[in-house]
């Protein structure tokens, strides 16, 4: 015989709090989407992405001075992007979709 599993039920307050967190997340994403759609935001986002790519290439090539210069350029753009209400993308994160690994 298998032992009985004990089910715990969350209270109504816990469920309401979780749903309020989800609502806040959805509202934050909507605000960020509107901020990204501004005409002055598009060139800044493209510049940050290009600087991130240049930093990755410089690090891969072993050119630490170039990577430091690119990082300082990115840091100079950060206040302008944050002022528009856009969250900066992670400089270390890889761009693109994740690939499925082949099943062995």
PDB file of N, CA and C in Angstrom:
ATOM      1  N   UNK A   1       0.832  -1.186   0.000  1.00  0.00           N
ATOM      2  CA  UNK A   1       0.000   0.000   0.000  1.00  0.00           C
ATOM      3  C   UNK A   1       0.875   1.248   0.000  1.00  0.00           C
ATOM      4  N   UNK A   2       0.436   2.219  -0.716  1.00  0.00           N
ATOM      5  CA  UNK A   2       1.162   3.479  -0.726  1.00  0.00           C
ATOM      6  C   UNK A   2       0.624   4.382   0.378  1.00  0.00           C
ATOM      7  N   UNK A   3       1.511   5.145   0.991  1.00  0.00           N
ATOM      8  CA  UNK A   3       1.029   6.031   2.063  1.00  0.00           C
ATOM      9  C   UNK A   3       0.186   7.164   1.481  1.00  0.00           C
ATOM     10  N   UNK A   4      -0.759   7.624   2.277  1.00  0.00           N
ATOM     11  CA  UNK A   4      -1.613   8.729   1.840  1.00  0.00           C
ATOM     12  C   UNK A   4      -0.810  10.019   1.807  1.00  0.00           C
ATOM     13  N   UNK A   5      -1.079  10.820   0.807  1.00  0.00           N
ATOM     14  CA  UNK A   5      -0.432  12.122   0.728  1.00  0.00           C
ATOM     15  C   UNK A   5      -1.313  13.149   1.418  1.00  0.00           C
ATOM     16  N   UNK A   6      -0.673  14.069   2.082  1.00  0.00           N
ATOM     17  CA  UNK A   6      -1.408  15.104   2.793  1.00  0.00           C
ATOM     18  C   UNK A   6      -1.495  16.328   1.890  1.00  0.00           C
ATOM     19  N   UNK A   7      -2.700  16.748   1.641  1.00  0.00           N
ATOM     20  CA  UNK A   7      -2.911  17.925   0.810  1.00  0.00           C
ATOM     21  C   UNK A   7      -3.104  19.136   1.708  1.00  0.00           C
ATOM     22  N   UNK A   8      -2.387  20.183   1.380  1.00  0.00           N
ATOM     23  CA  UNK A   8      -2.560  21.420   2.130  1.00  0.00           C
ATOM     24  C   UNK A   8      -3.222  22.439   1.218  1.00  0.00           C
ATOM     25  N   UNK A   9      -4.207  23.084   1.733  1.00  0.00           N
ATOM     26  CA  UNK A   9      -4.934  24.081   0.955  1.00  0.00           C
ATOM     27  C   UNK A   9      -4.488  25.472   1.389  1.00  0.00           C
ATOM     28  N   UNK A  10      -4.286  26.297   0.389  1.00  0.00           N
ATOM     29  CA  UNK A  10      -3.903  27.679   0.687  1.00  0.00           C
ATOM     30  C   UNK A  10      -5.133  28.461   1.094  1.00  0.00           C
ATOM     31  N   UNK A  11      -4.894  29.450   1.911  1.00  0.00           N
ATOM     32  CA  UNK A  11      -6.013  30.293   2.339  1.00  0.00           C
ATOM     33  C   UNK A  11      -6.386  31.244   1.205  1.00  0.00           C
ATOM     34  N   UNK A  12      -7.534  31.846   1.346  1.00  0.00           N
ATOM     35  CA  UNK A  12      -8.007  32.801   0.336  1.00  0.00           C
ATOM     36  C   UNK A  12      -7.063  33.992   0.255  1.00  0.00           C
ATOM     37  N   UNK A  13      -6.534  34.409   1.401  1.00  0.00           N
ATOM     38  CA  UNK A  13      -5.603  35.541   1.404  1.00  0.00           C
ATOM     39  C   UNK A  13      -4.336  35.220   0.617  1.00  0.00           C
ATOM     40  N   UNK A  14      -3.838  33.994   0.742  1.00  0.00           N
ATOM     41  CA  UNK A  14      -2.639  33.590   0.001  1.00  0.00           C
ATOM     42  C   UNK A  14      -2.900  33.583  -1.502  1.00  0.00           C
ATOM     43  N   UNK A  15      -4.062  33.087  -1.895  1.00  0.00           N
ATOM     44  CA  UNK A  15      -4.395  33.050  -3.321  1.00  0.00           C
ATOM     45  C   UNK A  15      -4.577  34.452  -3.880  1.00  0.00           C
ATOM     46  N   UNK A  16      -5.215  35.330  -3.115  1.00  0.00           N
ATOM     47  CA  UNK A  16      -5.416  36.716  -3.550  1.00  0.00           C
ATOM     48  C   UNK A  16      -4.071  37.417  -3.694  1.00  0.00           C
ATOM     49  N   UNK A  17      -3.166  37.194  -2.731  1.00  0.00           N
ATOM     50  CA  UNK A  17      -1.842  37.827  -2.801  1.00  0.00           C
ATOM     51  C   UNK A  17      -1.084  37.363  -4.040  1.00  0.00           C
ATOM     52  N   UNK A  18      -1.181  36.081  -4.353  1.00  0.00           N
ATOM     53  CA  UNK A  18      -0.502  35.562  -5.547  1.00  0.00           C
ATOM     54  C   UNK A  18      -1.077  36.183  -6.816  1.00  0.00           C
ATOM     55  N   UNK A  19      -2.386  36.296  -6.887  1.00  0.00           N
ATOM     56  CA  UNK A  19      -3.011  36.903  -8.066  1.00  0.00           C
ATOM     57  C   UNK A  19      -2.670  38.380  -8.188  1.00  0.00           C
ATOM     58  N   UNK A  20      -2.570  39.083  -7.058  1.00  0.00           N
ATOM     59  CA  UNK A  20      -2.180  40.491  -7.110  1.00  0.00           C
ATOM     60  C   UNK A  20      -0.757  40.652  -7.624  1.00  0.00           C
ATOM     61  N   UNK A  21       0.122  39.720  -7.274  1.00  0.00           N
ATOM     62  CA  UNK A  21       1.491  39.757  -7.805  1.00  0.00           C
ATOM     63  C   UNK A  21       1.482  39.552  -9.314  1.00  0.00           C
ATOM     64  N   UNK A  22       0.654  38.633  -9.781  1.00  0.00           N
ATOM     65  CA  UNK A  22       0.561  38.400 -11.221  1.00  0.00           C
ATOM     66  C   UNK A  22       0.034  39.638 -11.941  1.00  0.00           C
ATOM     67  N   UNK A  23      -0.964  40.283 -11.359  1.00  0.00           N
ATOM     68  CA  UNK A  23      -1.529  41.499 -11.958  1.00  0.00           C
ATOM     69  C   UNK A  23      -0.477  42.595 -12.023  1.00  0.00           C
ATOM     70  N   UNK A  24       0.295  42.752 -10.945  1.00  0.00           N
ATOM     71  CA  UNK A  24       1.349  43.772 -10.932  1.00  0.00           C
ATOM     72  C   UNK A  24       2.396  43.477 -11.998  1.00  0.00           C
ATOM     73  N   UNK A  25       2.723  42.211 -12.197  1.00  0.00           N
ATOM     74  CA  UNK A  25       3.684  41.840 -13.236  1.00  0.00           C
ATOM     75  C   UNK A  25       3.171  42.151 -14.630  1.00  0.00           C
ATOM     76  N   UNK A  26       1.907  41.883 -14.859  1.00  0.00           N
ATOM     77  CA  UNK A  26       1.305  42.162 -16.164  1.00  0.00           C
ATOM     78  C   UNK A  26       1.281  43.661 -16.433  1.00  0.00           C
ATOM     79  N   UNK A  27       0.942  44.458 -15.408  1.00  0.00           N
ATOM     80  CA  UNK A  27       0.933  45.913 -15.577  1.00  0.00           C
ATOM     81  C   UNK A  27       2.339  46.442 -15.849  1.00  0.00           C
ATOM     82  N   UNK A  28       3.340  45.888 -15.177  1.00  0.00           N
ATOM     83  CA  UNK A  28       4.723  46.328 -15.393  1.00  0.00           C
ATOM     84  C   UNK A  28       5.177  46.000 -16.813  1.00  0.00           C
ATOM     85  N   UNK A  29       4.806  44.832 -17.320  1.00  0.00           N
ATOM     86  CA  UNK A  29       5.167  44.479 -18.696  1.00  0.00           C
ATOM     87  C   UNK A  29       4.484  45.395 -19.703  1.00  0.00           C
ATOM     88  N   UNK A  30       3.238  45.787 -19.425  1.00  0.00           N
ATOM     89  CA  UNK A  30       2.520  46.684 -20.331  1.00  0.00           C
ATOM     90  C   UNK A  30       3.182  48.056 -20.364  1.00  0.00           C
ATOM     91  N   UNK A  31       3.615  48.549 -19.214  1.00  0.00           N
ATOM     92  CA  UNK A  31       4.297  49.845 -19.162  1.00  0.00           C
ATOM     93  C   UNK A  31       5.618  49.772 -19.917  1.00  0.00           C
ATOM     94  N   UNK A  32       6.353  48.680 -19.733  1.00  0.00           N
ATOM     95  CA  UNK A  32       7.632  48.526 -20.431  1.00  0.00           C
ATOM     96  C   UNK A  32       7.421  48.428 -21.941  1.00  0.00           C
ATOM     97  N   UNK A  33       6.363  47.767 -22.360  1.00  0.00           N
ATOM     98  CA  UNK A  33       6.069  47.648 -23.790  1.00  0.00           C
ATOM     99  C   UNK A  33       5.770  49.018 -24.397  1.00  0.00           C
ATOM    100  N   UNK A  34       5.016  49.847 -23.672  1.00  0.00           N
ATOM    101  CA  UNK A  34       4.719  51.197 -24.155  1.00  0.00           C
ATOM    102  C   UNK A  34       5.984  52.045 -24.206  1.00  0.00           C
ATOM    103  N   UNK A  35       6.865  51.874 -23.229  1.00  0.00           N
ATOM    104  CA  UNK A  35       8.112  52.645 -23.207  1.00  0.00           C
ATOM    105  C   UNK A  35       9.011  52.255 -24.372  1.00  0.00           C
ATOM    106  N   UNK A  36       9.052  50.961 -24.687  1.00  0.00           N
ATOM    107  CA  UNK A  36       9.894  50.513 -25.798  1.00  0.00           C
ATOM    108  C   UNK A  36       9.375  51.003 -27.139  1.00  0.00           C
ATOM    109  N   UNK A  37       8.086  51.277 -27.226  1.00  0.00           N
ATOM    110  CA  UNK A  37       7.491  51.715 -28.488  1.00  0.00           C
ATOM    111  C   UNK A  37       7.752  53.182 -28.781  1.00  0.00           C
ATOM    112  N   UNK A  38       8.293  53.937 -27.842  1.00  0.00           N
ATOM    113  CA  UNK A  38       8.586  55.348 -28.072  1.00  0.00           C
ATOM    114  C   UNK A  38       9.661  55.483 -29.145  1.00  0.00           C
ATOM    115  N   UNK A  39       9.541  56.475 -30.032  1.00  0.00           N
ATOM    116  CA  UNK A  39      10.511  56.616 -31.116  1.00  0.00           C
ATOM    117  C   UNK A  39      11.937  56.885 -30.629  1.00  0.00           C
ATOM    118  N   UNK A  40      12.097  57.590 -29.518  1.00  0.00           N
ATOM    119  CA  UNK A  40      13.443  57.883 -29.038  1.00  0.00           C
ATOM    120  C   UNK A  40      14.070  56.682 -28.324  1.00  0.00           C
ATOM    121  N   UNK A  41      13.270  55.686 -27.987  1.00  0.00           N
ATOM    122  CA  UNK A  41      13.798  54.515 -27.281  1.00  0.00           C
ATOM    123  C   UNK A  41      14.433  53.509 -28.234  1.00  0.00           C
ATOM    124  N   UNK A  42      13.916  53.410 -29.436  1.00  0.00           N
ATOM    125  CA  UNK A  42      14.403  52.397 -30.370  1.00  0.00           C
ATOM    126  C   UNK A  42      15.901  52.499 -30.662  1.00  0.00           C
ATOM    127  N   UNK A  43      16.430  53.676 -30.988  1.00  0.00           N
ATOM    128  CA  UNK A  43      17.878  53.753 -31.249  1.00  0.00           C
ATOM    129  C   UNK A  43      18.717  53.439 -30.014  1.00  0.00           C
ATOM    130  N   UNK A  44      18.228  53.800 -28.836  1.00  0.00           N
ATOM    131  CA  UNK A  44      18.978  53.496 -27.615  1.00  0.00           C
ATOM    132  C   UNK A  44      19.045  51.995 -27.368  1.00  0.00           C
ATOM    133  N   UNK A  45      17.933  51.311 -27.583  1.00  0.00           N
ATOM    134  CA  UNK A  45      17.909  49.860 -27.395  1.00  0.00           C
ATOM    135  C   UNK A  45      18.845  49.183 -28.389  1.00  0.00           C
ATOM    136  N   UNK A  46      18.808  49.631 -29.639  1.00  0.00           N
ATOM    137  CA  UNK A  46      19.707  49.058 -30.652  1.00  0.00           C
ATOM    138  C   UNK A  46      21.168  49.311 -30.311  1.00  0.00           C
ATOM    139  N   UNK A  47      21.467  50.496 -29.790  1.00  0.00           N
ATOM    140  CA  UNK A  47      22.845  50.818 -29.419  1.00  0.00           C
ATOM    141  C   UNK A  47      23.330  49.933 -28.279  1.00  0.00           C
ATOM    142  N   UNK A  48      22.481  49.705 -27.296  1.00  0.00           N
ATOM    143  CA  UNK A  48      22.874  48.849 -26.173  1.00  0.00           C
ATOM    144  C   UNK A  48      23.106  47.421 -26.643  1.00  0.00           C
ATOM    145  N   UNK A  49      22.247  46.933 -27.519  1.00  0.00           N
ATOM    146  CA  UNK A  49      22.435  45.567 -28.039  1.00  0.00           C
ATOM    147  C   UNK A  49      23.735  45.460 -28.834  1.00  0.00           C
ATOM    148  N   UNK A  50      24.039  46.483 -29.630  1.00  0.00           N
ATOM    149  CA  UNK A  50      25.279  46.464 -30.407  1.00  0.00           C
ATOM    150  C   UNK A  50      26.497  46.514 -29.485  1.00  0.00           C
ATOM    151  N   UNK A  51      26.413  47.312 -28.427  1.00  0.00           N
ATOM    152  CA  UNK A  51      27.521  47.375 -27.470  1.00  0.00           C
ATOM    153  C   UNK A  51      27.689  46.051 -26.727  1.00  0.00           C
ATOM    154  N   UNK A  52      26.586  45.397 -26.401  1.00  0.00           N
ATOM    155  CA  UNK A  52      26.674  44.092 -25.749  1.00  0.00           C
ATOM    156  C   UNK A  52      27.369  43.074 -26.655  1.00  0.00           C
ATOM    157  N   UNK A  53      27.014  43.102 -27.937  1.00  0.00           N
ATOM    158  CA  UNK A  53      27.631  42.179 -28.884  1.00  0.00           C
ATOM    159  C   UNK A  53      29.120  42.491 -29.044  1.00  0.00           C
ATOM    160  N   UNK A  54      29.463  43.774 -29.112  1.00  0.00           N
ATOM    161  CA  UNK A  54      30.870  44.159 -29.237  1.00  0.00           C
ATOM    162  C   UNK A  54      31.664  43.730 -28.004  1.00  0.00           C
ATOM    163  N   UNK A  55      31.059  43.835 -26.837  1.00  0.00           N
ATOM    164  CA  UNK A  55      31.746  43.413 -25.614  1.00  0.00           C
ATOM    165  C   UNK A  55      31.983  41.914 -25.618  1.00  0.00           C
ATOM    166  N   UNK A  56      30.989  41.128 -26.060  1.00  0.00           N
ATOM    167  CA  UNK A  56      31.174  39.671 -26.127  1.00  0.00           C
ATOM    168  C   UNK A  56      32.287  39.295 -27.092  1.00  0.00           C
ATOM    169  N   UNK A  57      32.326  39.966 -28.243  1.00  0.00           N
ATOM    170  CA  UNK A  57      33.365  39.671 -29.238  1.00  0.00           C
ATOM    171  C   UNK A  57      34.734  40.050 -28.693  1.00  0.00           C
ATOM    172  N   UNK A  58      34.823  41.172 -28.012  1.00  0.00           N
ATOM    173  CA  UNK A  58      36.104  41.609 -27.447  1.00  0.00           C
ATOM    174  C   UNK A  58      36.588  40.642 -26.377  1.00  0.00           C
ATOM    175  N   UNK A  59      35.681  40.152 -25.553  1.00  0.00           N
ATOM    176  CA  UNK A  59      36.068  39.194 -24.515  1.00  0.00           C
ATOM    177  C   UNK A  59      36.519  37.882 -25.142  1.00  0.00           C
ATOM    178  N   UNK A  60      35.786  37.426 -26.166  1.00  0.00           N
ATOM    179  CA  UNK A  60      36.162  36.182 -26.843  1.00  0.00           C
ATOM    180  C   UNK A  60      37.526  36.308 -27.515  1.00  0.00           C
ATOM    181  N   UNK A  61      37.843  37.500 -28.009  1.00  0.00           N
ATOM    182  CA  UNK A  61      39.121  37.727 -28.668  1.00  0.00           C
ATOM    183  C   UNK A  61      40.241  37.972 -27.659  1.00  0.00           C
ATOM    184  N   UNK A  62      39.886  38.131 -26.397  1.00  0.00           N
ATOM    185  CA  UNK A  62      40.897  38.347 -25.366  1.00  0.00           C
ATOM    186  C   UNK A  62      41.348  39.783 -25.231  1.00  0.00           C
ATOM    187  N   UNK A  63      40.605  40.712 -25.788  1.00  0.00           N
ATOM    188  CA  UNK A  63      40.957  42.125 -25.738  1.00  0.00           C
ATOM    189  C   UNK A  63      40.218  42.778 -24.565  1.00  0.00           C
ATOM    190  N   UNK A  64      40.829  42.745 -23.392  1.00  0.00           N
ATOM    191  CA  UNK A  64      40.184  43.252 -22.180  1.00  0.00           C
ATOM    192  C   UNK A  64      40.018  44.767 -22.201  1.00  0.00           C
ATOM    193  N   UNK A  65      40.959  45.481 -22.815  1.00  0.00           N
ATOM    194  CA  UNK A  65      40.869  46.935 -22.876  1.00  0.00           C
ATOM    195  C   UNK A  65      39.663  47.370 -23.700  1.00  0.00           C
ATOM    196  N   UNK A  66      39.457  46.687 -24.828  1.00  0.00           N
ATOM    197  CA  UNK A  66      38.313  47.013 -25.684  1.00  0.00           C
ATOM    198  C   UNK A  66      37.006  46.688 -24.964  1.00  0.00           C
ATOM    199  N   UNK A  67      36.967  45.577 -24.268  1.00  0.00           N
ATOM    200  CA  UNK A  67      35.759  45.198 -23.541  1.00  0.00           C
ATOM    201  C   UNK A  67      35.446  46.218 -22.453  1.00  0.00           C
ATOM    202  N   UNK A  68      36.471  46.702 -21.765  1.00  0.00           N
ATOM    203  CA  UNK A  68      36.255  47.711 -20.726  1.00  0.00           C
ATOM    204  C   UNK A  68      35.740  49.017 -21.329  1.00  0.00           C
ATOM    205  N   UNK A  69      36.263  49.402 -22.491  1.00  0.00           N
ATOM    206  CA  UNK A  69      35.815  50.628 -23.148  1.00  0.00           C
ATOM    207  C   UNK A  69      34.357  50.508 -23.586  1.00  0.00           C
ATOM    208  N   UNK A  70      33.992  49.354 -24.102  1.00  0.00           N
ATOM    209  CA  UNK A  70      32.609  49.142 -24.539  1.00  0.00           C
ATOM    210  C   UNK A  70      31.673  49.138 -23.332  1.00  0.00           C
ATOM    211  N   UNK A  71      32.101  48.524 -22.234  1.00  0.00           N
ATOM    212  CA  UNK A  71      31.276  48.504 -21.026  1.00  0.00           C
ATOM    213  C   UNK A  71      31.060  49.918 -20.472  1.00  0.00           C
ATOM    214  N   UNK A  72      32.088  50.745 -20.538  1.00  0.00           N
ATOM    215  CA  UNK A  72      31.917  52.116 -20.052  1.00  0.00           C
ATOM    216  C   UNK A  72      30.979  52.908 -20.966  1.00  0.00           C
ATOM    217  N   UNK A  73      31.005  52.618 -22.265  1.00  0.00           N
ATOM    218  CA  UNK A  73      30.067  53.269 -23.191  1.00  0.00           C
ATOM    219  C   UNK A  73      28.636  52.855 -22.879  1.00  0.00           C
ATOM    220  N   UNK A  74      28.465  51.575 -22.563  1.00  0.00           N
ATOM    221  CA  UNK A  74      27.137  51.070 -22.213  1.00  0.00           C
ATOM    222  C   UNK A  74      26.654  51.727 -20.927  1.00  0.00           C
ATOM    223  N   UNK A  75      27.552  51.900 -19.966  1.00  0.00           N
ATOM    224  CA  UNK A  75      27.182  52.525 -18.700  1.00  0.00           C
ATOM    225  C   UNK A  75      26.752  53.980 -18.900  1.00  0.00           C
ATOM    226  N   UNK A  76      27.322  54.638 -19.907  1.00  0.00           N
ATOM    227  CA  UNK A  76      26.944  56.019 -20.182  1.00  0.00           C
ATOM    228  C   UNK A  76      25.517  56.111 -20.745  1.00  0.00           C
ATOM    229  N   UNK A  77      25.083  55.092 -21.468  1.00  0.00           N
ATOM    230  CA  UNK A  77      23.733  55.090 -22.033  1.00  0.00           C
ATOM    231  C   UNK A  77      22.670  54.672 -21.021  1.00  0.00           C
ATOM    232  N   UNK A  78      23.077  53.985 -19.977  1.00  0.00           N
ATOM    233  CA  UNK A  78      22.126  53.409 -19.026  1.00  0.00           C
ATOM    234  C   UNK A  78      21.166  54.434 -18.421  1.00  0.00           C
ATOM    235  N   UNK A  79      21.630  55.602 -17.950  1.00  0.00           N
ATOM    236  CA  UNK A  79      20.668  56.546 -17.347  1.00  0.00           C
ATOM    237  C   UNK A  79      19.591  57.023 -18.316  1.00  0.00           C
ATOM    238  N   UNK A  80      19.939  57.183 -19.583  1.00  0.00           N
ATOM    239  CA  UNK A  80      18.947  57.638 -20.563  1.00  0.00           C
ATOM    240  C   UNK A  80      17.878  56.569 -20.791  1.00  0.00           C
ATOM    241  N   UNK A  81      18.295  55.330 -20.814  1.00  0.00           N
ATOM    242  CA  UNK A  81      17.344  54.242 -21.037  1.00  0.00           C
ATOM    243  C   UNK A  81      16.442  54.057 -19.825  1.00  0.00           C
ATOM    244  N   UNK A  82      17.020  54.100 -18.641  1.00  0.00           N
ATOM    245  CA  UNK A  82      16.238  53.937 -17.422  1.00  0.00           C
ATOM    246  C   UNK A  82      15.269  55.108 -17.249  1.00  0.00           C
ATOM    247  N   UNK A  83      15.664  56.295 -17.671  1.00  0.00           N
ATOM    248  CA  UNK A  83      14.788  57.463 -17.569  1.00  0.00           C
ATOM    249  C   UNK A  83      13.538  57.309 -18.430  1.00  0.00           C
ATOM    250  N   UNK A  84      13.646  56.559 -19.521  1.00  0.00           N
ATOM    251  CA  UNK A  84      12.487  56.319 -20.371  1.00  0.00           C
ATOM    252  C   UNK A  84      11.567  55.250 -19.795  1.00  0.00           C
ATOM    253  N   UNK A  85      12.021  54.567 -18.748  1.00  0.00           N
ATOM    254  CA  UNK A  85      11.206  53.527 -18.129  1.00  0.00           C
ATOM    255  C   UNK A  85      11.447  52.156 -18.704  1.00  0.00           C
ATOM    256  N   UNK A  86      12.590  51.976 -19.336  1.00  0.00           N
ATOM    257  CA  UNK A  86      12.924  50.688 -19.943  1.00  0.00           C
ATOM    258  C   UNK A  86      13.950  49.991 -19.071  1.00  0.00           C
ATOM    259  N   UNK A  87      13.718  48.693 -18.841  1.00  0.00           N
ATOM    260  CA  UNK A  87      14.665  47.903 -18.073  1.00  0.00           C
ATOM    261  C   UNK A  87      15.798  47.507 -19.006  1.00  0.00           C
ATOM    262  N   UNK A  88      17.027  47.718 -18.551  1.00  0.00           N
ATOM    263  CA  UNK A  88      18.184  47.378 -19.367  1.00  0.00           C
ATOM    264  C   UNK A  88      18.304  45.875 -19.532  1.00  0.00           C
ATOM    265  N   UNK A  89      18.614  45.410 -20.739  1.00  0.00           N
ATOM    266  CA  UNK A  89      18.853  43.976 -20.905  1.00  0.00           C
ATOM    267  C   UNK A  89      20.151  43.582 -20.219  1.00  0.00           C
ATOM    268  N   UNK A  90      20.216  42.345 -19.785  1.00  0.00           N
ATOM    269  CA  UNK A  90      21.415  41.846 -19.119  1.00  0.00           C
ATOM    270  C   UNK A  90      22.535  41.763 -20.149  1.00  0.00           C
ATOM    271  N   UNK A  91      23.666  42.373 -19.849  1.00  0.00           N
ATOM    272  CA  UNK A  91      24.786  42.407 -20.792  1.00  0.00           C
ATOM    273  C   UNK A  91      25.392  41.027 -20.979  1.00  0.00           C
ATOM    274  N   UNK A  92      25.298  40.184 -19.982  1.00  0.00           N
ATOM    275  CA  UNK A  92      25.922  38.862 -20.045  1.00  0.00           C
ATOM    276  C   UNK A  92      25.012  37.806 -20.652  1.00  0.00           C
ATOM    277  N   UNK A  93      23.733  38.114 -20.817  1.00  0.00           N
ATOM    278  CA  UNK A  93      22.787  37.132 -21.333  1.00  0.00           C
ATOM    279  C   UNK A  93      22.978  36.955 -22.841  1.00  0.00           C
ATOM    280  N   UNK A  94      22.795  35.732 -23.285  1.00  0.00           N
ATOM    281  CA  UNK A  94      22.891  35.454 -24.710  1.00  0.00           C
ATOM    282  C   UNK A  94      21.598  35.867 -25.387  1.00  0.00           C
ATOM    283  N   UNK A  95      21.705  36.337 -26.606  1.00  0.00           N
ATOM    284  CA  UNK A  95      20.540  36.754 -27.363  1.00  0.00           C
ATOM    285  C   UNK A  95      20.012  35.566 -28.167  1.00  0.00           C
ATOM    286  N   UNK A  96      18.762  35.601 -28.503  1.00  0.00           N
ATOM    287  CA  UNK A  96      18.179  34.578 -29.353  1.00  0.00           C
ATOM    288  C   UNK A  96      17.441  33.523 -28.557  1.00  0.00           C
ATOM    289  N   UNK A  97      16.897  32.580 -29.291  1.00  0.00           N
ATOM    290  CA  UNK A  97      16.114  31.514 -28.678  1.00  0.00           C
ATOM    291  C   UNK A  97      17.019  30.431 -28.132  1.00  0.00           C
ATOM    292  N   UNK A  98      16.526  29.748 -27.137  1.00  0.00           N
ATOM    293  CA  UNK A  98      17.252  28.605 -26.605  1.00  0.00           C
ATOM    294  C   UNK A  98      17.000  27.421 -27.516  1.00  0.00           C
ATOM    295  N   UNK A  99      18.034  26.681 -27.773  1.00  0.00           N
ATOM    296  CA  UNK A  99      17.927  25.510 -28.639  1.00  0.00           C
ATOM    297  C   UNK A  99      17.595  24.286 -27.800  1.00  0.00           C
ATOM    298  N   UNK A 100      16.828  23.400 -28.390  1.00  0.00           N
ATOM    299  CA  UNK A 100      16.558  22.135 -27.733  1.00  0.00           C
ATOM    300  C   UNK A 100      17.777  21.250 -27.878  1.00  0.00           C
ATOM    301  N   UNK A 101      18.125  20.580 -26.805  1.00  0.00           N
ATOM    302  CA  UNK A 101      19.255  19.655 -26.891  1.00  0.00           C
ATOM    303  C   UNK A 101      18.762  18.347 -27.460  1.00  0.00           C
ATOM    304  N   UNK A 102      19.650  17.718 -28.176  1.00  0.00           N
ATOM    305  CA  UNK A 102      19.278  16.451 -28.800  1.00  0.00           C
ATOM    306  C   UNK A 102      19.176  15.361 -27.748  1.00  0.00           C
ATOM    307  N   UNK A 103      18.135  14.537 -27.856  1.00  0.00           N
ATOM    308  CA  UNK A 103      17.967  13.434 -26.912  1.00  0.00           C
ATOM    309  C   UNK A 103      18.927  12.318 -27.290  1.00  0.00           C
ATOM    310  N   UNK A 104      19.637  11.816 -26.295  1.00  0.00           N
ATOM    311  CA  UNK A 104      20.604  10.754 -26.578  1.00  0.00           C
ATOM    312  C   UNK A 104      19.992   9.390 -26.485  1.00  0.00           C
TER     313      UNK A 104
END
